[in-house]
């Protein structure tokens, strides 16, 4: 017993069936993605933060 692919090729040759070959697709170049600055910006890292102070007033930290 061989592999399934080997057995399939033997069976196809015996039964005179054509074997479909896989088409090679072009590989897309992978982009690096986002920089760490862009990721932090999306997460709101550079947004101003606010705190409640005396009397319940909201002030920027």
N, C-alpha and C. Protein backbone atom coordinates (compact mmCIF):
# COMPACT_ATOMS: atom_id res chain seq x y z
N UNK A 1 0.83 -1.17 0.00
CA UNK A 1 0.00 0.00 0.00
C UNK A 1 0.89 1.25 0.00
N UNK A 2 0.56 2.13 -0.91
CA UNK A 2 1.27 3.39 -0.97
C UNK A 2 0.41 4.50 -0.43
N UNK A 3 0.73 5.68 -0.88
CA UNK A 3 -0.08 6.81 -0.45
C UNK A 3 -1.37 6.86 -1.25
N UNK A 4 -2.28 7.66 -0.80
CA UNK A 4 -3.56 7.78 -1.50
C UNK A 4 -3.34 8.35 -2.90
N UNK A 5 -2.43 9.30 -3.00
CA UNK A 5 -2.14 9.91 -4.30
C UNK A 5 -1.56 8.87 -5.26
N UNK A 6 -0.68 8.01 -4.75
CA UNK A 6 -0.10 6.96 -5.57
C UNK A 6 -1.14 5.95 -6.02
N UNK A 7 -1.99 5.54 -5.08
CA UNK A 7 -3.06 4.60 -5.41
C UNK A 7 -4.02 5.20 -6.45
N UNK A 8 -4.33 6.47 -6.30
CA UNK A 8 -5.22 7.14 -7.24
C UNK A 8 -4.61 7.20 -8.63
N UNK A 9 -3.31 7.49 -8.70
CA UNK A 9 -2.67 7.55 -10.02
C UNK A 9 -2.63 6.17 -10.68
N UNK A 10 -2.40 5.11 -9.90
CA UNK A 10 -2.42 3.76 -10.44
C UNK A 10 -3.81 3.39 -10.96
N UNK A 11 -4.83 3.73 -10.17
CA UNK A 11 -6.21 3.45 -10.56
C UNK A 11 -6.59 4.21 -11.82
N UNK A 12 -6.18 5.48 -11.91
CA UNK A 12 -6.49 6.30 -13.08
C UNK A 12 -5.79 5.75 -14.32
N UNK A 13 -4.56 5.27 -14.17
CA UNK A 13 -3.84 4.70 -15.31
C UNK A 13 -4.50 3.39 -15.76
N UNK A 14 -4.94 2.60 -14.81
CA UNK A 14 -5.58 1.32 -15.14
C UNK A 14 -6.93 1.54 -15.83
N UNK A 15 -7.68 2.55 -15.40
CA UNK A 15 -9.02 2.82 -15.94
C UNK A 15 -9.02 3.89 -17.03
N UNK A 16 -7.85 4.32 -17.43
CA UNK A 16 -7.67 5.31 -18.50
C UNK A 16 -8.45 6.60 -18.22
N UNK A 17 -8.32 7.08 -17.01
CA UNK A 17 -8.95 8.33 -16.61
C UNK A 17 -7.88 9.41 -16.55
N UNK A 18 -8.20 10.59 -17.05
CA UNK A 18 -7.21 11.68 -16.97
C UNK A 18 -7.09 12.19 -15.53
N UNK A 19 -5.88 12.56 -15.16
CA UNK A 19 -5.64 13.09 -13.82
C UNK A 19 -5.56 14.61 -13.93
N UNK A 20 -6.35 15.27 -13.13
CA UNK A 20 -6.33 16.73 -13.13
C UNK A 20 -5.15 17.21 -12.30
N UNK A 21 -4.40 18.11 -12.88
CA UNK A 21 -3.26 18.67 -12.16
C UNK A 21 -3.67 19.98 -11.51
N UNK A 22 -3.05 20.28 -10.39
CA UNK A 22 -3.34 21.51 -9.68
C UNK A 22 -2.76 22.69 -10.45
N UNK A 23 -3.54 23.75 -10.51
CA UNK A 23 -3.06 24.97 -11.15
C UNK A 23 -2.24 25.75 -10.14
N UNK A 24 -1.11 26.23 -10.60
CA UNK A 24 -0.27 27.03 -9.71
C UNK A 24 -0.76 28.47 -9.74
N UNK A 25 -1.03 28.98 -8.59
CA UNK A 25 -1.48 30.37 -8.50
C UNK A 25 -0.32 31.26 -8.09
N UNK A 26 -0.38 32.50 -8.50
CA UNK A 26 0.66 33.44 -8.13
C UNK A 26 0.51 33.81 -6.67
N UNK A 27 1.61 33.80 -5.98
CA UNK A 27 1.57 34.15 -4.57
C UNK A 27 1.56 35.67 -4.44
N UNK A 28 0.66 36.14 -3.61
CA UNK A 28 0.58 37.58 -3.37
C UNK A 28 1.65 37.98 -2.38
N UNK A 29 2.23 39.13 -2.61
CA UNK A 29 3.24 39.60 -1.67
C UNK A 29 2.54 40.07 -0.40
N UNK A 30 3.09 39.67 0.70
CA UNK A 30 2.49 40.02 1.98
C UNK A 30 2.94 41.42 2.38
N UNK A 31 1.97 42.25 2.69
CA UNK A 31 2.30 43.57 3.18
C UNK A 31 2.74 43.45 4.63
N UNK A 32 3.53 44.38 5.04
CA UNK A 32 4.03 44.34 6.41
C UNK A 32 2.92 44.57 7.40
N UNK A 33 1.89 45.28 6.98
CA UNK A 33 0.79 45.54 7.90
C UNK A 33 0.93 46.93 8.46
N UNK A 34 0.35 47.13 9.61
CA UNK A 34 0.37 48.44 10.24
C UNK A 34 1.57 48.57 11.17
N UNK A 35 2.05 49.79 11.30
CA UNK A 35 3.15 50.05 12.22
C UNK A 35 2.60 50.07 13.64
N UNK A 36 3.51 50.04 14.61
CA UNK A 36 3.07 50.06 16.00
C UNK A 36 2.40 51.39 16.33
N UNK A 37 2.85 52.46 15.71
CA UNK A 37 2.23 53.77 15.94
C UNK A 37 0.77 53.74 15.46
N UNK A 38 0.53 53.15 14.29
CA UNK A 38 -0.83 53.09 13.76
C UNK A 38 -1.74 52.22 14.64
N UNK A 39 -1.20 51.14 15.16
CA UNK A 39 -1.98 50.25 16.03
C UNK A 39 -2.35 50.97 17.32
N UNK A 40 -1.37 51.67 17.91
CA UNK A 40 -1.64 52.42 19.13
C UNK A 40 -2.68 53.51 18.89
N UNK A 41 -2.60 54.14 17.72
CA UNK A 41 -3.55 55.19 17.39
C UNK A 41 -4.96 54.63 17.27
N UNK A 42 -5.09 53.44 16.69
CA UNK A 42 -6.40 52.81 16.58
C UNK A 42 -6.98 52.45 17.95
N UNK A 43 -6.10 52.08 18.87
CA UNK A 43 -6.55 51.70 20.20
C UNK A 43 -6.85 52.92 21.07
N UNK A 44 -6.56 54.12 20.59
CA UNK A 44 -6.84 55.31 21.36
C UNK A 44 -5.75 55.65 22.36
N UNK A 45 -4.55 55.22 22.10
CA UNK A 45 -3.42 55.44 23.00
C UNK A 45 -3.06 56.91 23.11
N UNK A 46 -3.22 57.65 22.04
CA UNK A 46 -2.82 59.05 22.02
C UNK A 46 -3.99 60.01 22.28
N UNK A 47 -5.14 59.50 22.64
CA UNK A 47 -6.29 60.34 22.93
C UNK A 47 -6.14 60.94 24.33
N UNK A 48 -6.67 62.13 24.53
CA UNK A 48 -6.58 62.72 25.87
C UNK A 48 -7.43 61.93 26.87
N UNK A 49 -6.95 61.85 28.11
CA UNK A 49 -7.70 61.16 29.15
C UNK A 49 -8.28 62.19 30.11
N UNK A 50 -9.43 61.90 30.64
CA UNK A 50 -10.12 62.82 31.52
C UNK A 50 -10.37 62.15 32.86
N UNK A 51 -10.32 62.95 33.95
CA UNK A 51 -10.56 62.46 35.30
C UNK A 51 -11.52 63.41 36.00
N UNK A 52 -12.22 62.87 36.92
CA UNK A 52 -13.06 63.74 37.77
C UNK A 52 -12.19 64.29 38.89
N UNK A 53 -12.35 65.57 39.14
CA UNK A 53 -11.59 66.18 40.23
C UNK A 53 -12.58 66.70 41.29
N UNK A 54 -12.11 67.58 42.12
CA UNK A 54 -12.95 68.10 43.21
C UNK A 54 -14.23 68.71 42.68
N UNK A 55 -15.29 68.44 43.33
CA UNK A 55 -16.57 69.01 42.94
C UNK A 55 -17.22 68.32 41.77
N UNK A 56 -16.63 67.23 41.28
CA UNK A 56 -17.21 66.49 40.17
C UNK A 56 -16.87 67.04 38.79
N UNK A 57 -15.98 68.03 38.74
CA UNK A 57 -15.60 68.61 37.45
C UNK A 57 -14.70 67.63 36.69
N UNK A 58 -14.88 67.57 35.39
CA UNK A 58 -14.08 66.69 34.56
C UNK A 58 -12.90 67.50 34.02
N UNK A 59 -11.69 67.00 34.26
CA UNK A 59 -10.50 67.70 33.81
C UNK A 59 -9.60 66.76 33.03
N UNK A 60 -8.83 67.37 32.13
CA UNK A 60 -7.92 66.58 31.32
C UNK A 60 -6.68 66.25 32.16
N UNK A 61 -6.25 65.03 32.10
CA UNK A 61 -5.08 64.60 32.87
C UNK A 61 -3.81 64.97 32.16
